[in-house]
Amino acid sequence: MLASTQPNLVDFLLLLSYPLHPPRKPDVLRTSHFSSLRTPALFVHGTRDIFGSITEVASAIRLIPAAVELLPVESAGHELLTRQNRDSLPAKIVEAFRRFTS
């Protein structure tokens, strides 16, 4: 939210598991500030996150007038790390953020 009111505060945002809405309450969206966000943002989100599906997040980030990108993490929930990805995911996120910011 702070970046939406102070657009020059940071150059880019990296949002890990953004809680789009409370679990099982998809009508209580936490996106009222998205249309004011002017900072480019990379969203990293699990495909099994109970705080918002990939489809919901993809739809919500269209409200942001800045450059945005969504990096889905297959079979991950809100915690992102799984036994299968814990060795590779951090480097994958860093690489995606480097590409996004270049």
PDB file of N, CA and C in Angstrom:
ATOM      1  N   MET A   1       0.804  -1.191   0.000  1.00  0.00           N
ATOM      2  CA  MET A   1       0.000   0.000   0.000  1.00  0.00           C
ATOM      3  C   MET A   1       0.852   1.261   0.000  1.00  0.00           C
ATOM      4  N   LEU A   2       1.947   1.230   0.708  1.00  0.00           N
ATOM      5  CA  LEU A   2       2.801   2.404   0.811  1.00  0.00           C
ATOM      6  C   LEU A   2       3.298   2.846  -0.564  1.00  0.00           C
ATOM      7  N   ALA A   3       3.653   1.895  -1.410  1.00  0.00           N
ATOM      8  CA  ALA A   3       4.138   2.240  -2.753  1.00  0.00           C
ATOM      9  C   ALA A   3       3.054   2.907  -3.590  1.00  0.00           C
ATOM     10  N   SER A   4       1.801   2.664  -3.287  1.00  0.00           N
ATOM     11  CA  SER A   4       0.728   3.309  -4.052  1.00  0.00           C
ATOM     12  C   SER A   4       0.559   4.774  -3.655  1.00  0.00           C
ATOM     13  N   THR A   5       0.944   5.135  -2.452  1.00  0.00           N
ATOM     14  CA  THR A   5       0.834   6.531  -2.018  1.00  0.00           C
ATOM     15  C   THR A   5       2.150   7.292  -2.164  1.00  0.00           C
ATOM     16  N   GLN A   6       3.263   6.550  -2.289  1.00  0.00           N
ATOM     17  CA  GLN A   6       4.580   7.159  -2.476  1.00  0.00           C
ATOM     18  C   GLN A   6       5.278   6.469  -3.651  1.00  0.00           C
ATOM     19  N   PRO A   7       4.880   6.815  -4.873  1.00  0.00           N
ATOM     20  CA  PRO A   7       5.348   6.076  -6.050  1.00  0.00           C
ATOM     21  C   PRO A   7       6.854   6.115  -6.285  1.00  0.00           C
ATOM     22  N   ASN A   8       7.563   7.076  -5.744  1.00  0.00           N
ATOM     23  CA  ASN A   8       9.018   7.138  -5.939  1.00  0.00           C
ATOM     24  C   ASN A   8       9.797   6.507  -4.793  1.00  0.00           C
ATOM     25  N   LEU A   9       9.114   5.846  -3.906  1.00  0.00           N
ATOM     26  CA  LEU A   9       9.754   5.239  -2.744  1.00  0.00           C
ATOM     27  C   LEU A   9      10.725   4.131  -3.148  1.00  0.00           C
ATOM     28  N   VAL A  10      10.321   3.274  -4.084  1.00  0.00           N
ATOM     29  CA  VAL A  10      11.155   2.184  -4.578  1.00  0.00           C
ATOM     30  C   VAL A  10      11.003   2.102  -6.094  1.00  0.00           C
ATOM     31  N   ASP A  11      11.956   1.451  -6.733  1.00  0.00           N
ATOM     32  CA  ASP A  11      11.915   1.323  -8.193  1.00  0.00           C
ATOM     33  C   ASP A  11      11.068   0.145  -8.661  1.00  0.00           C
ATOM     34  N   PHE A  12      11.058  -0.941  -7.877  1.00  0.00           N
ATOM     35  CA  PHE A  12      10.333  -2.163  -8.238  1.00  0.00           C
ATOM     36  C   PHE A  12       9.815  -2.823  -6.972  1.00  0.00           C
ATOM     37  N   LEU A  13       8.777  -3.642  -7.148  1.00  0.00           N
ATOM     38  CA  LEU A  13       8.238  -4.428  -6.037  1.00  0.00           C
ATOM     39  C   LEU A  13       8.349  -5.912  -6.371  1.00  0.00           C
ATOM     40  N   LEU A  14       8.686  -6.703  -5.366  1.00  0.00           N
ATOM     41  CA  LEU A  14       8.651  -8.156  -5.449  1.00  0.00           C
ATOM     42  C   LEU A  14       7.656  -8.603  -4.399  1.00  0.00           C
ATOM     43  N   LEU A  15       6.518  -9.137  -4.863  1.00  0.00           N
ATOM     44  CA  LEU A  15       5.452  -9.536  -3.947  1.00  0.00           C
ATOM     45  C   LEU A  15       5.357 -11.054  -3.914  1.00  0.00           C
ATOM     46  N   LEU A  16       5.660 -11.615  -2.763  1.00  0.00           N
ATOM     47  CA  LEU A  16       5.640 -13.064  -2.576  1.00  0.00           C
ATOM     48  C   LEU A  16       4.341 -13.454  -1.885  1.00  0.00           C
ATOM     49  N   SER A  17       3.526 -14.253  -2.553  1.00  0.00           N
ATOM     50  CA  SER A  17       2.258 -14.736  -1.987  1.00  0.00           C
ATOM     51  C   SER A  17       1.379 -13.592  -1.507  1.00  0.00           C
ATOM     52  N   TYR A  18       1.104 -12.657  -2.376  1.00  0.00           N
ATOM     53  CA  TYR A  18       0.249 -11.533  -1.992  1.00  0.00           C
ATOM     54  C   TYR A  18      -1.116 -12.074  -1.543  1.00  0.00           C
ATOM     55  N   PRO A  19      -1.559 -11.714  -0.331  1.00  0.00           N
ATOM     56  CA  PRO A  19      -2.853 -12.210   0.169  1.00  0.00           C
ATOM     57  C   PRO A  19      -4.012 -11.425  -0.460  1.00  0.00           C
ATOM     58  N   LEU A  20      -4.444 -11.873  -1.599  1.00  0.00           N
ATOM     59  CA  LEU A  20      -5.477 -11.176  -2.373  1.00  0.00           C
ATOM     60  C   LEU A  20      -6.783 -11.030  -1.597  1.00  0.00           C
ATOM     61  N   HIS A  21      -7.125 -12.056  -0.847  1.00  0.00           N
ATOM     62  CA  HIS A  21      -8.331 -12.036  -0.009  1.00  0.00           C
ATOM     63  C   HIS A  21      -8.139 -13.042   1.123  1.00  0.00           C
ATOM     64  N   PRO A  22      -8.923 -12.930   2.202  1.00  0.00           N
ATOM     65  CA  PRO A  22      -8.845 -13.940   3.264  1.00  0.00           C
ATOM     66  C   PRO A  22      -9.276 -15.310   2.718  1.00  0.00           C
ATOM     67  N   PRO A  23      -8.764 -16.397   3.304  1.00  0.00           N
ATOM     68  CA  PRO A  23      -9.170 -17.731   2.855  1.00  0.00           C
ATOM     69  C   PRO A  23     -10.696 -17.894   2.863  1.00  0.00           C
ATOM     70  N   ARG A  24     -11.214 -18.431   1.771  1.00  0.00           N
ATOM     71  CA  ARG A  24     -12.639 -18.714   1.589  1.00  0.00           C
ATOM     72  C   ARG A  24     -13.523 -17.464   1.633  1.00  0.00           C
ATOM     73  N   LYS A  25     -12.933 -16.289   1.399  1.00  0.00           N
ATOM     74  CA  LYS A  25     -13.702 -15.037   1.338  1.00  0.00           C
ATOM     75  C   LYS A  25     -13.271 -14.235   0.106  1.00  0.00           C
ATOM     76  N   PRO A  26     -13.505 -14.776  -1.076  1.00  0.00           N
ATOM     77  CA  PRO A  26     -13.025 -14.112  -2.295  1.00  0.00           C
ATOM     78  C   PRO A  26     -13.682 -12.763  -2.573  1.00  0.00           C
ATOM     79  N   ASP A  27     -14.748 -12.453  -1.858  1.00  0.00           N
ATOM     80  CA  ASP A  27     -15.423 -11.169  -2.063  1.00  0.00           C
ATOM     81  C   ASP A  27     -14.810 -10.044  -1.224  1.00  0.00           C
ATOM     82  N   VAL A  28     -13.845 -10.374  -0.343  1.00  0.00           N
ATOM     83  CA  VAL A  28     -13.190  -9.375   0.504  1.00  0.00           C
ATOM     84  C   VAL A  28     -11.796  -9.113  -0.069  1.00  0.00           C
ATOM     85  N   LEU A  29     -11.752  -8.443  -1.204  1.00  0.00           N
ATOM     86  CA  LEU A  29     -10.492  -8.217  -1.910  1.00  0.00           C
ATOM     87  C   LEU A  29      -9.625  -7.146  -1.252  1.00  0.00           C
ATOM     88  N   ARG A  30      -8.328  -7.377  -1.310  1.00  0.00           N
ATOM     89  CA  ARG A  30      -7.346  -6.429  -0.786  1.00  0.00           C
ATOM     90  C   ARG A  30      -6.640  -5.755  -1.968  1.00  0.00           C
ATOM     91  N   THR A  31      -7.423  -5.125  -2.814  1.00  0.00           N
ATOM     92  CA  THR A  31      -6.886  -4.551  -4.049  1.00  0.00           C
ATOM     93  C   THR A  31      -7.275  -3.091  -4.257  1.00  0.00           C
ATOM     94  N   SER A  32      -7.863  -2.456  -3.265  1.00  0.00           N
ATOM     95  CA  SER A  32      -8.363  -1.090  -3.459  1.00  0.00           C
ATOM     96  C   SER A  32      -7.257  -0.122  -3.877  1.00  0.00           C
ATOM     97  N   HIS A  33      -6.027  -0.406  -3.520  1.00  0.00           N
ATOM     98  CA  HIS A  33      -4.912   0.475  -3.857  1.00  0.00           C
ATOM     99  C   HIS A  33      -4.244   0.124  -5.196  1.00  0.00           C
ATOM    100  N   PHE A  34      -4.630  -0.972  -5.810  1.00  0.00           N
ATOM    101  CA  PHE A  34      -3.958  -1.420  -7.043  1.00  0.00           C
ATOM    102  C   PHE A  34      -4.034  -0.374  -8.156  1.00  0.00           C
ATOM    103  N   SER A  35      -5.135   0.293  -8.316  1.00  0.00           N
ATOM    104  CA  SER A  35      -5.265   1.257  -9.415  1.00  0.00           C
ATOM    105  C   SER A  35      -4.387   2.496  -9.209  1.00  0.00           C
ATOM    106  N   SER A  36      -3.880   2.699  -8.000  1.00  0.00           N
ATOM    107  CA  SER A  36      -2.979   3.825  -7.711  1.00  0.00           C
ATOM    108  C   SER A  36      -1.513   3.431  -7.761  1.00  0.00           C
ATOM    109  N   LEU A  37      -1.241   2.171  -7.934  1.00  0.00           N
ATOM    110  CA  LEU A  37       0.135   1.676  -7.901  1.00  0.00           C
ATOM    111  C   LEU A  37       0.844   1.989  -9.216  1.00  0.00           C
ATOM    112  N   ARG A  38       1.921   2.741  -9.147  1.00  0.00           N
ATOM    113  CA  ARG A  38       2.695   3.122 -10.330  1.00  0.00           C
ATOM    114  C   ARG A  38       4.067   2.458 -10.364  1.00  0.00           C
ATOM    115  N   THR A  39       4.346   1.615  -9.399  1.00  0.00           N
ATOM    116  CA  THR A  39       5.630   0.934  -9.291  1.00  0.00           C
ATOM    117  C   THR A  39       5.539  -0.429  -9.972  1.00  0.00           C
ATOM    118  N   PRO A  40       6.447  -0.737 -10.894  1.00  0.00           N
ATOM    119  CA  PRO A  40       6.437  -2.061 -11.525  1.00  0.00           C
ATOM    120  C   PRO A  40       6.534  -3.161 -10.457  1.00  0.00           C
ATOM    121  N   ALA A  41       5.782  -4.248 -10.651  1.00  0.00           N
ATOM    122  CA  ALA A  41       5.689  -5.277  -9.620  1.00  0.00           C
ATOM    123  C   ALA A  41       5.719  -6.683 -10.214  1.00  0.00           C
ATOM    124  N   LEU A  42       6.527  -7.528  -9.604  1.00  0.00           N
ATOM    125  CA  LEU A  42       6.552  -8.951  -9.924  1.00  0.00           C
ATOM    126  C   LEU A  42       5.843  -9.673  -8.790  1.00  0.00           C
ATOM    127  N   PHE A  43       4.783 -10.389  -9.134  1.00  0.00           N
ATOM    128  CA  PHE A  43       4.035 -11.194  -8.172  1.00  0.00           C
ATOM    129  C   PHE A  43       4.464 -12.644  -8.316  1.00  0.00           C
ATOM    130  N   VAL A  44       4.837 -13.275  -7.210  1.00  0.00           N
ATOM    131  CA  VAL A  44       5.170 -14.701  -7.177  1.00  0.00           C
ATOM    132  C   VAL A  44       4.079 -15.352  -6.345  1.00  0.00           C
ATOM    133  N   HIS A  45       3.376 -16.322  -6.949  1.00  0.00           N
ATOM    134  CA  HIS A  45       2.179 -16.833  -6.282  1.00  0.00           C
ATOM    135  C   HIS A  45       2.016 -18.335  -6.528  1.00  0.00           C
ATOM    136  N   GLY A  46       1.698 -19.068  -5.483  1.00  0.00           N
ATOM    137  CA  GLY A  46       1.475 -20.506  -5.590  1.00  0.00           C
ATOM    138  C   GLY A  46       0.152 -20.838  -6.260  1.00  0.00           C
ATOM    139  N   THR A  47       0.154 -21.895  -7.044  1.00  0.00           N
ATOM    140  CA  THR A  47      -1.068 -22.295  -7.756  1.00  0.00           C
ATOM    141  C   THR A  47      -2.121 -22.890  -6.817  1.00  0.00           C
ATOM    142  N   ARG A  48      -1.738 -23.172  -5.571  1.00  0.00           N
ATOM    143  CA  ARG A  48      -2.685 -23.724  -4.602  1.00  0.00           C
ATOM    144  C   ARG A  48      -2.864 -22.800  -3.391  1.00  0.00           C
ATOM    145  N   ASP A  49      -2.600 -21.514  -3.571  1.00  0.00           N
ATOM    146  CA  ASP A  49      -2.675 -20.543  -2.480  1.00  0.00           C
ATOM    147  C   ASP A  49      -4.135 -20.261  -2.133  1.00  0.00           C
ATOM    148  N   ILE A  50      -4.509 -20.445  -0.864  1.00  0.00           N
ATOM    149  CA  ILE A  50      -5.892 -20.231  -0.442  1.00  0.00           C
ATOM    150  C   ILE A  50      -6.234 -18.739  -0.280  1.00  0.00           C
ATOM    151  N   PHE A  51      -5.231 -17.873  -0.391  1.00  0.00           N
ATOM    152  CA  PHE A  51      -5.460 -16.435  -0.317  1.00  0.00           C
ATOM    153  C   PHE A  51      -5.722 -15.832  -1.702  1.00  0.00           C
ATOM    154  N   GLY A  52      -5.864 -16.686  -2.706  1.00  0.00           N
ATOM    155  CA  GLY A  52      -6.158 -16.222  -4.057  1.00  0.00           C
ATOM    156  C   GLY A  52      -5.640 -17.202  -5.086  1.00  0.00           C
ATOM    157  N   SER A  53      -6.478 -17.554  -6.032  1.00  0.00           N
ATOM    158  CA  SER A  53      -6.048 -18.462  -7.094  1.00  0.00           C
ATOM    159  C   SER A  53      -5.203 -17.690  -8.102  1.00  0.00           C
ATOM    160  N   ILE A  54      -4.502 -18.411  -8.940  1.00  0.00           N
ATOM    161  CA  ILE A  54      -3.709 -17.785  -9.996  1.00  0.00           C
ATOM    162  C   ILE A  54      -4.628 -16.961 -10.906  1.00  0.00           C
ATOM    163  N   THR A  55      -5.786 -17.473 -11.204  1.00  0.00           N
ATOM    164  CA  THR A  55      -6.736 -16.748 -12.049  1.00  0.00           C
ATOM    165  C   THR A  55      -7.167 -15.449 -11.377  1.00  0.00           C
ATOM    166  N   GLU A  56      -7.443 -15.511 -10.079  1.00  0.00           N
ATOM    167  CA  GLU A  56      -7.846 -14.304  -9.348  1.00  0.00           C
ATOM    168  C   GLU A  56      -6.725 -13.270  -9.312  1.00  0.00           C
ATOM    169  N   VAL A  57      -5.505 -13.729  -9.068  1.00  0.00           N
ATOM    170  CA  VAL A  57      -4.368 -12.810  -9.017  1.00  0.00           C
ATOM    171  C   VAL A  57      -4.125 -12.201 -10.395  1.00  0.00           C
ATOM    172  N   ALA A  58      -4.160 -13.026 -11.431  1.00  0.00           N
ATOM    173  CA  ALA A  58      -3.954 -12.522 -12.798  1.00  0.00           C
ATOM    174  C   ALA A  58      -4.994 -11.459 -13.135  1.00  0.00           C
ATOM    175  N   SER A  59      -6.210 -11.660 -12.729  1.00  0.00           N
ATOM    176  CA  SER A  59      -7.268 -10.682 -12.982  1.00  0.00           C
ATOM    177  C   SER A  59      -7.031  -9.406 -12.180  1.00  0.00           C
ATOM    178  N   ALA A  60      -6.669  -9.550 -10.919  1.00  0.00           N
ATOM    179  CA  ALA A  60      -6.473  -8.391 -10.042  1.00  0.00           C
ATOM    180  C   ALA A  60      -5.310  -7.517 -10.486  1.00  0.00           C
ATOM    181  N   ILE A  61      -4.236  -8.127 -10.946  1.00  0.00           N
ATOM    182  CA  ILE A  61      -3.074  -7.303 -11.300  1.00  0.00           C
ATOM    183  C   ILE A  61      -3.305  -6.487 -12.573  1.00  0.00           C
ATOM    184  N   ARG A  62      -4.353  -6.807 -13.301  1.00  0.00           N
ATOM    185  CA  ARG A  62      -4.709  -5.973 -14.459  1.00  0.00           C
ATOM    186  C   ARG A  62      -5.176  -4.580 -14.029  1.00  0.00           C
ATOM    187  N   LEU A  63      -5.517  -4.430 -12.763  1.00  0.00           N
ATOM    188  CA  LEU A  63      -5.916  -3.128 -12.224  1.00  0.00           C
ATOM    189  C   LEU A  63      -4.724  -2.185 -12.054  1.00  0.00           C
ATOM    190  N   ILE A  64      -3.523  -2.735 -12.052  1.00  0.00           N
ATOM    191  CA  ILE A  64      -2.311  -1.955 -11.808  1.00  0.00           C
ATOM    192  C   ILE A  64      -1.849  -1.325 -13.115  1.00  0.00           C
ATOM    193  N   PRO A  65      -1.757   0.022 -13.167  1.00  0.00           N
ATOM    194  CA  PRO A  65      -1.353   0.671 -14.407  1.00  0.00           C
ATOM    195  C   PRO A  65       0.141   0.592 -14.711  1.00  0.00           C
ATOM    196  N   ALA A  66       0.934   0.099 -13.793  1.00  0.00           N
ATOM    197  CA  ALA A  66       2.374  -0.069 -14.022  1.00  0.00           C
ATOM    198  C   ALA A  66       2.640  -1.440 -14.647  1.00  0.00           C
ATOM    199  N   ALA A  67       3.879  -1.664 -15.036  1.00  0.00           N
ATOM    200  CA  ALA A  67       4.267  -2.981 -15.549  1.00  0.00           C
ATOM    201  C   ALA A  67       4.136  -4.014 -14.433  1.00  0.00           C
ATOM    202  N   VAL A  68       3.502  -5.125 -14.745  1.00  0.00           N
ATOM    203  CA  VAL A  68       3.352  -6.208 -13.773  1.00  0.00           C
ATOM    204  C   VAL A  68       3.624  -7.539 -14.462  1.00  0.00           C
ATOM    205  N   GLU A  69       4.057  -8.482 -13.666  1.00  0.00           N
ATOM    206  CA  GLU A  69       4.286  -9.834 -14.163  1.00  0.00           C
ATOM    207  C   GLU A  69       3.902 -10.795 -13.048  1.00  0.00           C
ATOM    208  N   LEU A  70       3.425 -11.967 -13.438  1.00  0.00           N
ATOM    209  CA  LEU A  70       3.033 -12.998 -12.480  1.00  0.00           C
ATOM    210  C   LEU A  70       3.872 -14.234 -12.728  1.00  0.00           C
ATOM    211  N   LEU A  71       4.558 -14.699 -11.680  1.00  0.00           N
ATOM    212  CA  LEU A  71       5.326 -15.937 -11.738  1.00  0.00           C
ATOM    213  C   LEU A  71       4.572 -16.978 -10.910  1.00  0.00           C
ATOM    214  N   PRO A  72       3.849 -17.894 -11.573  1.00  0.00           N
ATOM    215  CA  PRO A  72       3.143 -18.938 -10.828  1.00  0.00           C
ATOM    216  C   PRO A  72       4.125 -20.011 -10.338  1.00  0.00           C
ATOM    217  N   VAL A  73       3.886 -20.496  -9.134  1.00  0.00           N
ATOM    218  CA  VAL A  73       4.705 -21.573  -8.579  1.00  0.00           C
ATOM    219  C   VAL A  73       3.803 -22.796  -8.488  1.00  0.00           C
ATOM    220  N   GLU A  74       4.043 -23.738  -9.367  1.00  0.00           N
ATOM    221  CA  GLU A  74       3.207 -24.943  -9.471  1.00  0.00           C
ATOM    222  C   GLU A  74       3.169 -25.736  -8.170  1.00  0.00           C
ATOM    223  N   SER A  75       1.988 -26.165  -7.789  1.00  0.00           N
ATOM    224  CA  SER A  75       1.733 -27.037  -6.631  1.00  0.00           C
ATOM    225  C   SER A  75       2.128 -26.420  -5.296  1.00  0.00           C
ATOM    226  N   ALA A  76       2.329 -25.114  -5.253  1.00  0.00           N
ATOM    227  CA  ALA A  76       2.697 -24.458  -3.999  1.00  0.00           C
ATOM    228  C   ALA A  76       1.488 -23.726  -3.434  1.00  0.00           C
ATOM    229  N   GLY A  77       1.434 -23.687  -2.125  1.00  0.00           N
ATOM    230  CA  GLY A  77       0.401 -22.921  -1.440  1.00  0.00           C
ATOM    231  C   GLY A  77       0.930 -21.549  -1.069  1.00  0.00           C
ATOM    232  N   HIS A  78       0.375 -20.992  -0.018  1.00  0.00           N
ATOM    233  CA  HIS A  78       0.758 -19.642   0.403  1.00  0.00           C
ATOM    234  C   HIS A  78       2.224 -19.581   0.844  1.00  0.00           C
ATOM    235  N   GLU A  79       2.742 -20.689   1.326  1.00  0.00           N
ATOM    236  CA  GLU A  79       4.128 -20.713   1.811  1.00  0.00           C
ATOM    237  C   GLU A  79       5.158 -20.766   0.683  1.00  0.00           C
ATOM    238  N   LEU A  80       4.737 -21.045  -0.520  1.00  0.00           N
ATOM    239  CA  LEU A  80       5.552 -21.139  -1.745  1.00  0.00           C
ATOM    240  C   LEU A  80       6.526 -22.314  -1.759  1.00  0.00           C
ATOM    241  N   LEU A  81       7.276 -22.517  -0.691  1.00  0.00           N
ATOM    242  CA  LEU A  81       8.276 -23.596  -0.697  1.00  0.00           C
ATOM    243  C   LEU A  81       7.637 -24.953  -0.436  1.00  0.00           C
ATOM    244  N   THR A  82       8.050 -25.914  -1.238  1.00  0.00           N
ATOM    245  CA  THR A  82       7.626 -27.304  -1.056  1.00  0.00           C
ATOM    246  C   THR A  82       8.877 -28.172  -1.013  1.00  0.00           C
ATOM    247  N   ARG A  83       8.717 -29.419  -0.672  1.00  0.00           N
ATOM    248  CA  ARG A  83       9.869 -30.333  -0.709  1.00  0.00           C
ATOM    249  C   ARG A  83      10.466 -30.416  -2.108  1.00  0.00           C
ATOM    250  N   GLN A  84       9.614 -30.315  -3.099  1.00  0.00           N
ATOM    251  CA  GLN A  84      10.065 -30.460  -4.482  1.00  0.00           C
ATOM    252  C   GLN A  84      10.786 -29.210  -5.001  1.00  0.00           C
ATOM    253  N   ASN A  85      10.447 -28.024  -4.496  1.00  0.00           N
ATOM    254  CA  ASN A  85      11.039 -26.814  -5.078  1.00  0.00           C
ATOM    255  C   ASN A  85      11.980 -26.044  -4.160  1.00  0.00           C
ATOM    256  N   ARG A  86      12.166 -26.475  -2.928  1.00  0.00           N
ATOM    257  CA  ARG A  86      12.918 -25.664  -1.967  1.00  0.00           C
ATOM    258  C   ARG A  86      14.354 -25.403  -2.381  1.00  0.00           C
ATOM    259  N   ASP A  87      14.947 -26.303  -3.167  1.00  0.00           N
ATOM    260  CA  ASP A  87      16.330 -26.091  -3.609  1.00  0.00           C
ATOM    261  C   ASP A  87      16.421 -25.187  -4.833  1.00  0.00           C
ATOM    262  N   SER A  88      15.371 -25.148  -5.629  1.00  0.00           N
ATOM    263  CA  SER A  88      15.437 -24.391  -6.878  1.00  0.00           C
ATOM    264  C   SER A  88      14.632 -23.090  -6.892  1.00  0.00           C
ATOM    265  N   LEU A  89      13.589 -22.992  -6.082  1.00  0.00           N
ATOM    266  CA  LEU A  89      12.699 -21.830  -6.161  1.00  0.00           C
ATOM    267  C   LEU A  89      13.374 -20.503  -5.833  1.00  0.00           C
ATOM    268  N   PRO A  90      14.170 -20.400  -4.778  1.00  0.00           N
ATOM    269  CA  PRO A  90      14.788 -19.089  -4.506  1.00  0.00           C
ATOM    270  C   PRO A  90      15.580 -18.550  -5.698  1.00  0.00           C
ATOM    271  N   ALA A  91      16.375 -19.384  -6.337  1.00  0.00           N
ATOM    272  CA  ALA A  91      17.150 -18.936  -7.495  1.00  0.00           C
ATOM    273  C   ALA A  91      16.234 -18.576  -8.664  1.00  0.00           C
ATOM    274  N   LYS A  92      15.147 -19.315  -8.821  1.00  0.00           N
ATOM    275  CA  LYS A  92      14.190 -19.027  -9.893  1.00  0.00           C
ATOM    276  C   LYS A  92      13.543 -17.657  -9.683  1.00  0.00           C
ATOM    277  N   ILE A  93      13.202 -17.342  -8.444  1.00  0.00           N
ATOM    278  CA  ILE A  93      12.600 -16.045  -8.133  1.00  0.00           C
ATOM    279  C   ILE A  93      13.609 -14.919  -8.369  1.00  0.00           C
ATOM    280  N   VAL A  94      14.825 -15.111  -7.912  1.00  0.00           N
ATOM    281  CA  VAL A  94      15.864 -14.090  -8.111  1.00  0.00           C
ATOM    282  C   VAL A  94      16.081 -13.843  -9.599  1.00  0.00           C
ATOM    283  N   GLU A  95      16.172 -14.896 -10.383  1.00  0.00           N
ATOM    284  CA  GLU A  95      16.378 -14.750 -11.825  1.00  0.00           C
ATOM    285  C   GLU A  95      15.191 -14.050 -12.489  1.00  0.00           C
ATOM    286  N   ALA A  96      13.982 -14.391 -12.100  1.00  0.00           N
ATOM    287  CA  ALA A  96      12.793 -13.752 -12.668  1.00  0.00           C
ATOM    288  C   ALA A  96      12.773 -12.261 -12.306  1.00  0.00           C
ATOM    289  N   PHE A  97      13.154 -11.931 -11.092  1.00  0.00           N
ATOM    290  CA  PHE A  97      13.174 -10.531 -10.671  1.00  0.00           C
ATOM    291  C   PHE A  97      14.262  -9.758 -11.408  1.00  0.00           C
ATOM    292  N   ARG A  98      15.402 -10.378 -11.608  1.00  0.00           N
ATOM    293  CA  ARG A  98      16.479  -9.719 -12.378  1.00  0.00           C
ATOM    294  C   ARG A  98      16.013  -9.433 -13.803  1.00  0.00           C
ATOM    295  N   ARG A  99      15.375 -10.408 -14.436  1.00  0.00           N
ATOM    296  CA  ARG A  99      14.855 -10.199 -15.790  1.00  0.00           C
ATOM    297  C   ARG A  99      13.811  -9.090 -15.800  1.00  0.00           C
ATOM    298  N   PHE A 100      12.917  -9.125 -14.827  1.00  0.00           N
ATOM    299  CA  PHE A 100      11.842  -8.138 -14.747  1.00  0.00           C
ATOM    300  C   PHE A 100      12.385  -6.725 -14.586  1.00  0.00           C
ATOM    301  N   THR A 101      13.435  -6.581 -13.824  1.00  0.00           N
ATOM    302  CA  THR A 101      13.967  -5.243 -13.516  1.00  0.00           C
ATOM    303  C   THR A 101      14.993  -4.749 -14.521  1.00  0.00           C
ATOM    304  N   SER A 102      15.353  -5.574 -15.481  1.00  0.00           N
ATOM    305  CA  SER A 102      16.378  -5.134 -16.457  1.00  0.00           C
ATOM    306  C   SER A 102      15.770  -4.505 -17.687  1.00  0.00           C
TER     307      SER A 102
END
